[in-house]
């Protein structure tokens, strides 16, 4: 069964074609008559073409499709295209044949006709309708419609086709409402597929290309969520957290009510804790490879940037075991860890001495120590 979006598209096509049929039904040669709107918005017949002419044959194919005879309309369009390969109405015939294919349930075949119109007849009136057809099919594919296998069972993945078509729609009609819809649909597609890096890029481009779109608030929130969801843990790159924090603060400044609705303050606290855990993870990795100087530098950074975080409390628990391994030149510029430990933890400096680095594994707030060096995105 075809998805609702394609069925709606076909109903719109058939309604338009039926309107043409109704306007021409009062004459025995209705399919060959031409009408235009006069100054009073009334239909006025301007000409009556020869029933054997190219235009009359094409109108007959349209009329057949409007009456629900998709197979016959396809045959009429095929005959027209073969008989008049250089006709000025070729693009219209391709559109009729493509619509007939969609009506017959083979939208993938219809795409070949729509694509030929978009590539070869972009200056004709059929260009935008063909592009709209492609968008509807792309949207159906993006929401899970499978392609047919040899015209029978639907089980072939159509994700690549959806992505390609949505990109083409934006490239072929930039700045239009259709391109705007395609841009949001593409970003949502990446987001549903959990391809968060591409989703973030797509939402970012949407914000840049369509700053007046009514979907801007949605794009802002989705971009933030994509950045946050892309953070895999303290052992991985934290650049997404930095981007998310900047976007959240911007949201607080320009849309404070929306920021309150989504709980930006709480999200910022979670981001701070994640950043702190990232720094502590890096410090523990340096301890694992027996580099206490680098470990202390990261703990120093942690204490200065995130003094109230849980990771800072954990760092103050392990710092007594690191201090004896540091040279006096490093200790001279180090924070007063003793006072901080007693103030924040309420534990005397002599209460715990960690001399075996292997003990630190038990105190890592996010589990085992990383087995790989810190990423280039380490803050």
Protein backbone atom coordinates (compact mmCIF):
# COMPACT_ATOMS: atom_id res chain seq x y z
CA UNK A 1 0.00 0.00 0.00
CA UNK A 2 1.28 3.43 -0.90
CA UNK A 3 1.99 5.87 1.98
CA UNK A 4 -0.41 8.70 2.78
CA UNK A 5 1.86 11.40 1.31
CA UNK A 6 1.91 9.78 -2.15
CA UNK A 7 -1.82 9.10 -2.02
CA UNK A 8 -2.43 12.75 -1.21
CA UNK A 9 -0.18 13.76 -4.09
CA UNK A 10 -2.14 11.56 -6.48
CA UNK A 11 -5.46 12.95 -5.23
CA UNK A 12 -4.19 16.47 -5.93
CA UNK A 13 -3.08 15.46 -9.42
CA UNK A 14 -6.38 13.78 -10.20
CA UNK A 15 -8.36 16.75 -8.86
CA UNK A 16 -6.50 19.11 -11.16
CA UNK A 17 -6.98 16.87 -14.15
CA UNK A 18 -10.66 16.37 -13.36
CA UNK A 19 -11.12 20.13 -13.33
CA UNK A 20 -9.74 20.23 -16.86
CA UNK A 21 -12.12 17.45 -17.89
CA UNK A 22 -15.14 19.25 -16.42
CA UNK A 23 -14.28 22.43 -18.28
CA UNK A 24 -14.15 20.54 -21.54
CA UNK A 25 -17.03 18.11 -21.02
CA UNK A 26 -19.73 20.22 -22.77
CA UNK A 27 -18.24 19.59 -26.22
CA UNK A 28 -17.89 16.42 -28.29
CA UNK A 29 -14.30 17.43 -28.88
CA UNK A 30 -13.65 18.43 -25.27
CA UNK A 31 -10.14 16.98 -25.18
CA UNK A 32 -9.02 19.35 -27.93
CA UNK A 33 -10.38 22.64 -26.55
CA UNK A 34 -8.28 25.33 -24.83
CA UNK A 35 -9.47 27.74 -22.14
CA UNK A 36 -8.02 30.78 -20.38
CA UNK A 37 -9.27 33.01 -17.57
CA UNK A 38 -10.58 36.40 -18.69
CA UNK A 39 -10.44 39.63 -16.66
CA UNK A 40 -13.51 38.59 -14.68
CA UNK A 41 -11.99 35.20 -13.78
CA UNK A 42 -14.28 33.38 -16.16
CA UNK A 43 -13.13 30.53 -18.37
CA UNK A 44 -13.08 31.55 -22.01
CA UNK A 45 -12.47 29.16 -24.88
CA UNK A 46 -9.65 30.43 -27.04
CA UNK A 47 -9.19 27.63 -29.56
CA UNK A 48 -10.32 24.20 -30.59
CA UNK A 49 -7.42 22.12 -31.78
CA UNK A 50 -7.50 19.33 -34.29
CA UNK A 51 -8.31 16.07 -32.46
CA UNK A 52 -5.36 14.47 -34.27
CA UNK A 53 -2.90 17.15 -33.12
CA UNK A 54 -0.17 16.56 -30.53
CA UNK A 55 -1.86 18.80 -27.98
CA UNK A 56 -5.20 17.01 -28.34
CA UNK A 57 -3.56 13.61 -27.89
CA UNK A 58 -1.79 14.77 -24.78
CA UNK A 59 -5.02 16.18 -23.35
CA UNK A 60 -6.62 12.82 -24.00
CA UNK A 61 -3.90 11.09 -21.96
CA UNK A 62 -4.45 13.56 -19.12
CA UNK A 63 -8.19 13.03 -19.23
CA UNK A 64 -7.73 9.26 -19.11
CA UNK A 65 -5.49 9.55 -16.04
CA UNK A 66 -8.00 11.86 -14.34
CA UNK A 67 -10.71 9.27 -14.88
CA UNK A 68 -8.60 6.72 -12.96
CA UNK A 69 -7.44 4.67 -15.94
CA UNK A 70 -3.75 4.82 -15.04
CA UNK A 71 -2.66 1.87 -17.20
CA UNK A 72 -4.33 3.28 -20.32
CA UNK A 73 -2.97 6.75 -19.60
CA UNK A 74 0.51 5.27 -19.34
CA UNK A 75 0.10 3.57 -22.72
CA UNK A 76 -1.14 6.81 -24.32
CA UNK A 77 1.80 8.74 -22.88
CA UNK A 78 4.23 6.07 -24.06
CA UNK A 79 2.78 6.21 -27.57
CA UNK A 80 2.98 9.99 -27.60
CA UNK A 81 6.64 10.03 -26.48
CA UNK A 82 7.62 7.42 -29.08
CA UNK A 83 5.65 9.09 -31.87
CA UNK A 84 6.80 12.67 -31.14
CA UNK A 85 10.30 12.50 -29.62
CA UNK A 86 10.96 16.19 -30.36
CA UNK A 87 7.52 17.52 -29.47
CA UNK A 88 7.17 20.73 -27.49
CA UNK A 89 4.78 18.76 -25.26
CA UNK A 90 7.28 16.01 -24.44
CA UNK A 91 7.84 17.25 -20.89
CA UNK A 92 4.08 17.22 -20.27
CA UNK A 93 3.86 13.68 -21.63
CA UNK A 94 6.66 12.59 -19.29
CA UNK A 95 4.78 14.11 -16.38
CA UNK A 96 1.61 12.21 -17.33
CA UNK A 97 3.54 8.95 -17.64
CA UNK A 98 5.31 9.50 -14.33
CA UNK A 99 1.99 10.23 -12.59
CA UNK A 100 0.52 7.09 -14.14
CA UNK A 101 3.43 5.02 -12.79
CA UNK A 102 2.86 6.43 -9.31
CA UNK A 103 -0.86 5.68 -9.58
CA UNK A 104 0.01 2.11 -10.55
CA UNK A 105 2.14 1.76 -7.41
CA UNK A 106 5.60 1.96 -8.99
CA UNK A 107 6.81 5.37 -7.91
CA UNK A 108 10.44 4.39 -8.57
CA UNK A 109 9.75 4.08 -12.31
CA UNK A 110 7.93 7.39 -12.16
CA UNK A 111 11.07 8.97 -10.75
CA UNK A 112 12.88 8.39 -14.06
CA UNK A 113 10.32 10.55 -15.88
CA UNK A 114 10.33 13.26 -13.20
CA UNK A 115 14.12 13.26 -13.20
CA UNK A 116 14.27 13.67 -16.99
CA UNK A 117 11.98 16.69 -16.72
CA UNK A 118 14.14 18.23 -13.98
CA UNK A 119 17.34 17.72 -15.96
CA UNK A 120 16.24 18.54 -19.51
CA UNK A 121 13.18 20.76 -19.16
CA UNK A 122 13.92 23.03 -16.19
CA UNK A 123 12.66 26.06 -18.15
CA UNK A 124 9.18 24.61 -18.72
CA UNK A 125 6.05 24.81 -16.58
CA UNK A 126 6.37 21.12 -15.74
CA UNK A 127 9.64 21.60 -13.84
CA UNK A 128 8.17 22.59 -10.47
CA UNK A 129 5.37 19.96 -10.56
CA UNK A 130 7.97 17.26 -11.33
CA UNK A 131 10.14 18.51 -8.47
CA UNK A 132 7.15 18.41 -6.13
CA UNK A 133 6.51 14.80 -7.16
CA UNK A 134 10.13 13.93 -6.38
CA UNK A 135 9.85 15.57 -2.97
CA UNK A 136 6.73 13.58 -2.06
CA UNK A 137 8.39 10.33 -3.08
CA UNK A 138 11.57 11.26 -1.19
CA UNK A 139 9.51 12.01 1.92
CA UNK A 140 7.78 8.63 1.67
CA UNK A 141 11.15 6.90 1.30
CA UNK A 142 12.57 8.86 4.24
CA UNK A 143 9.70 7.61 6.42
CA UNK A 144 10.36 3.97 5.62
CA UNK A 145 8.70 3.12 2.30
CA UNK A 146 10.67 0.30 0.64
CA UNK A 147 11.35 -0.02 -3.08
CA UNK A 148 9.86 -2.88 -5.05
CA UNK A 149 11.99 -5.84 -6.08
CA UNK A 150 11.29 -6.54 -9.78
CA UNK A 151 7.97 -4.77 -9.38
CA UNK A 152 6.68 -7.17 -6.71
CA UNK A 153 7.46 -7.20 -2.99
CA UNK A 154 8.70 -4.04 -1.26
CA UNK A 155 11.83 -4.86 0.71
CA UNK A 156 14.70 -2.91 -0.90
CA UNK A 157 16.09 -0.08 1.20
CA UNK A 158 15.31 3.39 -0.13
CA UNK A 159 17.28 5.48 2.38
CA UNK A 160 20.01 6.46 -0.09
CA UNK A 161 17.38 7.51 -2.64
CA UNK A 162 15.57 9.62 -0.04
CA UNK A 163 18.78 11.41 0.92
CA UNK A 164 19.78 12.06 -2.68
CA UNK A 165 16.36 13.33 -3.74
CA UNK A 166 16.02 15.70 -0.78
CA UNK A 167 19.43 17.17 -1.56
CA UNK A 168 18.53 17.58 -5.25
CA UNK A 169 15.29 19.39 -4.46
CA UNK A 170 17.19 21.98 -2.41
CA UNK A 171 19.87 22.40 -5.06
CA UNK A 172 17.40 22.76 -7.94
CA UNK A 173 15.06 25.31 -6.36
CA UNK A 174 17.12 27.13 -3.69
CA UNK A 175 15.38 29.60 -1.43
CA UNK A 176 11.90 28.26 -2.23
CA UNK A 177 9.32 26.92 0.20
CA UNK A 178 9.78 23.50 -1.35
CA UNK A 179 13.53 23.63 -0.71
CA UNK A 180 12.83 24.70 2.87
CA UNK A 181 10.57 21.70 3.39
CA UNK A 182 13.18 19.41 1.84
CA UNK A 183 15.89 20.85 4.09
CA UNK A 184 13.92 20.16 7.25
CA UNK A 185 12.87 16.73 6.01
CA UNK A 186 16.51 15.81 5.33
CA UNK A 187 17.63 16.96 8.78
CA UNK A 188 14.78 15.04 10.43
CA UNK A 189 15.70 11.97 8.39
CA UNK A 190 19.29 12.04 9.69
CA UNK A 191 18.00 12.62 13.23
CA UNK A 192 15.63 9.62 13.06
CA UNK A 193 18.43 7.45 11.69
CA UNK A 194 20.70 8.52 14.59
CA UNK A 195 23.30 9.90 12.21
CA UNK A 196 23.83 12.76 14.62
CA UNK A 197 26.84 14.33 12.94
CA UNK A 198 24.98 14.77 9.64
CA UNK A 199 21.82 15.79 11.51
CA UNK A 200 23.69 18.57 13.27
CA UNK A 201 25.16 19.77 9.98
CA UNK A 202 21.74 19.69 8.28
CA UNK A 203 20.01 21.64 11.06
CA UNK A 204 22.87 24.14 11.10
CA UNK A 205 22.52 24.71 7.34
CA UNK A 206 18.76 25.08 7.75
CA UNK A 207 19.27 27.85 10.31
CA UNK A 208 21.65 29.63 7.96
CA UNK A 209 19.58 29.23 4.78
CA UNK A 210 16.08 29.88 6.16
CA UNK A 211 16.39 32.36 9.06
CA UNK A 212 12.72 33.44 8.72
CA UNK A 213 11.26 29.94 8.62
CA UNK A 214 8.52 29.13 11.18
CA UNK A 215 10.48 25.95 11.93
CA UNK A 216 13.51 27.82 13.26
CA UNK A 217 12.73 26.99 16.96
CA UNK A 218 12.49 23.30 16.10
CA UNK A 219 15.78 23.45 14.17
CA UNK A 220 17.54 25.17 17.11
CA UNK A 221 16.39 22.55 19.61
CA UNK A 222 17.14 19.62 17.33
CA UNK A 223 20.63 21.01 16.66
CA UNK A 224 21.32 21.20 20.39
CA UNK A 225 20.00 17.68 20.99
CA UNK A 226 22.12 16.37 18.10
CA UNK A 227 25.25 17.89 19.64
CA UNK A 228 24.42 16.50 23.08
CA UNK A 229 23.51 13.04 21.82
CA UNK A 230 26.72 12.89 19.82
CA UNK A 231 28.82 12.92 23.01
CA UNK A 232 29.66 9.27 23.70
CA UNK A 233 31.41 9.63 27.04
CA UNK A 234 34.46 11.04 28.84
CA UNK A 235 36.88 9.02 26.71
CA UNK A 236 35.69 10.66 23.48
CA UNK A 237 35.79 14.04 21.79
CA UNK A 238 33.85 16.73 23.69
CA UNK A 239 33.62 19.37 20.96
CA UNK A 240 29.88 18.67 20.60
CA UNK A 241 29.36 19.67 24.23
CA UNK A 242 31.03 23.01 23.63
CA UNK A 243 28.83 23.65 20.59
CA UNK A 244 25.71 22.69 22.53
CA UNK A 245 26.60 24.98 25.41
CA UNK A 246 27.08 27.93 23.06
CA UNK A 247 23.76 27.23 21.31
CA UNK A 248 21.94 26.91 24.65
CA UNK A 249 23.22 30.25 25.86
CA UNK A 250 22.17 31.82 22.57
CA UNK A 251 18.72 30.28 23.01
CA UNK A 252 18.47 31.78 26.49
CA UNK A 253 19.29 35.20 25.06
CA UNK A 254 16.95 35.26 22.05
CA UNK A 255 14.10 32.96 23.16
CA UNK A 256 14.02 32.89 26.98
CA UNK A 257 10.51 31.42 27.18
CA UNK A 258 11.47 28.48 24.96
CA UNK A 259 14.67 28.04 26.97
CA UNK A 260 12.64 27.80 30.18
CA UNK A 261 10.29 25.24 28.60
CA UNK A 262 13.10 22.87 27.69
CA UNK A 263 15.00 23.38 30.96
CA UNK A 264 18.18 24.94 29.62
CA UNK A 265 19.64 25.56 33.09
CA UNK A 266 19.51 21.87 33.93
CA UNK A 267 21.01 20.91 30.58
CA UNK A 268 23.89 23.36 31.12
CA UNK A 269 24.62 21.74 34.48
CA UNK A 270 24.73 18.32 32.82
CA UNK A 271 27.08 19.68 30.16
CA UNK A 272 29.39 21.09 32.84
CA UNK A 273 29.48 17.74 34.62
CA UNK A 274 30.25 15.94 31.35
CA UNK A 275 33.07 18.35 30.54
CA UNK A 276 34.49 17.88 34.01
CA UNK A 277 34.29 14.08 33.68
CA UNK A 278 36.13 14.37 30.36
CA UNK A 279 39.01 16.29 31.99
CA UNK A 280 39.20 13.84 34.89
CA UNK A 281 39.26 10.92 32.44
CA UNK A 282 42.23 12.49 30.67
CA UNK A 283 44.03 13.03 33.96
CA UNK A 284 43.52 9.40 34.94
CA UNK A 285 44.85 8.26 31.58
CA UNK A 286 48.08 10.16 32.21
CA UNK A 287 48.31 8.51 35.62
CA UNK A 288 47.89 5.15 33.95
CA UNK A 289 50.92 5.78 31.74
CA UNK A 290 52.86 7.11 34.74
CA UNK A 291 52.90 10.79 33.76
CA UNK A 292 51.89 12.52 37.03
CA UNK A 293 52.94 15.99 35.81
CA UNK A 294 50.43 15.96 32.95
CA UNK A 295 47.83 14.40 35.23
CA UNK A 296 48.21 17.23 37.74
CA UNK A 297 47.92 19.86 35.00
CA UNK A 298 44.56 18.43 33.98
CA UNK A 299 43.39 18.20 37.57
CA UNK A 300 44.47 21.82 38.01
CA UNK A 301 42.39 22.74 34.96
CA UNK A 302 39.46 20.78 36.36
CA UNK A 303 39.59 22.51 39.73
CA UNK A 304 39.77 25.96 38.15
CA UNK A 305 37.07 25.47 35.48
CA UNK A 306 34.58 23.29 37.33
CA UNK A 307 35.11 23.79 41.07
CA UNK A 308 31.64 22.51 42.06
CA UNK A 309 31.49 19.44 39.84
CA UNK A 310 31.47 15.84 41.03
CA UNK A 311 34.60 15.19 38.99
CA UNK A 312 36.42 17.89 40.99
CA UNK A 313 35.47 16.18 44.26
CA UNK A 314 36.78 12.91 42.87
CA UNK A 315 40.00 14.58 41.73
CA UNK A 316 40.55 15.99 45.23
CA UNK A 317 40.23 12.47 46.61
CA UNK A 318 43.13 11.19 44.51
CA UNK A 319 45.40 14.24 44.51
CA UNK A 320 47.29 13.22 47.73
CA UNK A 321 48.69 10.22 45.88
CA UNK A 322 49.98 12.42 43.04
CA UNK A 323 51.63 15.27 44.95
CA UNK A 324 54.70 13.25 46.12
CA UNK A 325 55.62 12.52 42.49
CA UNK A 326 55.64 16.18 41.38
CA UNK A 327 58.74 18.39 41.19
CA UNK A 328 58.89 21.53 43.32
CA UNK A 329 58.59 23.79 40.25
CA UNK A 330 55.14 22.34 39.51
CA UNK A 331 54.04 22.47 43.14
CA UNK A 332 55.00 26.13 43.37
CA UNK A 333 52.23 27.14 40.95
CA UNK A 334 49.69 24.49 41.95
CA UNK A 335 46.40 25.39 43.70
CA UNK A 336 46.08 24.88 47.43
CA UNK A 337 44.78 21.34 47.10
CA UNK A 338 44.99 20.78 50.85
CA UNK A 339 42.59 23.62 51.68
CA UNK A 340 40.26 22.74 48.81
CA UNK A 341 40.13 19.10 49.89
CA UNK A 342 39.36 19.91 53.48
CA UNK A 343 36.79 22.57 52.49
CA UNK A 344 34.88 20.64 49.84
CA UNK A 345 35.24 17.09 51.14
CA UNK A 346 35.73 17.70 54.85
CA UNK A 347 38.53 15.14 54.83
CA UNK A 348 41.96 15.88 56.37
CA UNK A 349 44.88 15.74 53.95
CA UNK A 350 46.48 12.83 55.81
CA UNK A 351 43.30 10.73 55.83
CA UNK A 352 44.06 9.00 52.54
CA UNK A 353 47.29 8.49 50.69
CA UNK A 354 46.97 6.82 47.27
CA UNK A 355 50.37 5.45 46.39
CA UNK A 356 49.36 2.71 43.96
CA UNK A 357 47.96 4.16 40.68
CA UNK A 358 45.96 0.96 40.19
CA UNK A 359 43.72 2.07 43.07
CA UNK A 360 42.52 4.94 40.92
CA UNK A 361 40.50 2.55 38.77
CA UNK A 362 38.10 2.05 41.66
CA UNK A 363 37.56 5.79 41.99
CA UNK A 364 36.91 6.64 38.34
CA UNK A 365 33.41 8.10 38.33
CA UNK A 366 32.56 6.65 34.90
CA UNK A 367 34.04 3.16 35.21
CA UNK A 368 37.35 1.77 33.96
CA UNK A 369 40.17 4.01 32.86
CA UNK A 370 40.48 4.60 29.11
CA UNK A 371 42.89 2.39 27.19
CA UNK A 372 43.51 4.98 24.47
CA UNK A 373 45.12 8.42 24.68
CA UNK A 374 42.83 11.47 24.96
CA UNK A 375 41.34 12.71 21.70
CA UNK A 376 42.43 15.86 19.91
CA UNK A 377 39.24 17.52 21.04
CA UNK A 378 40.28 17.37 24.74
CA UNK A 379 39.43 20.75 26.31
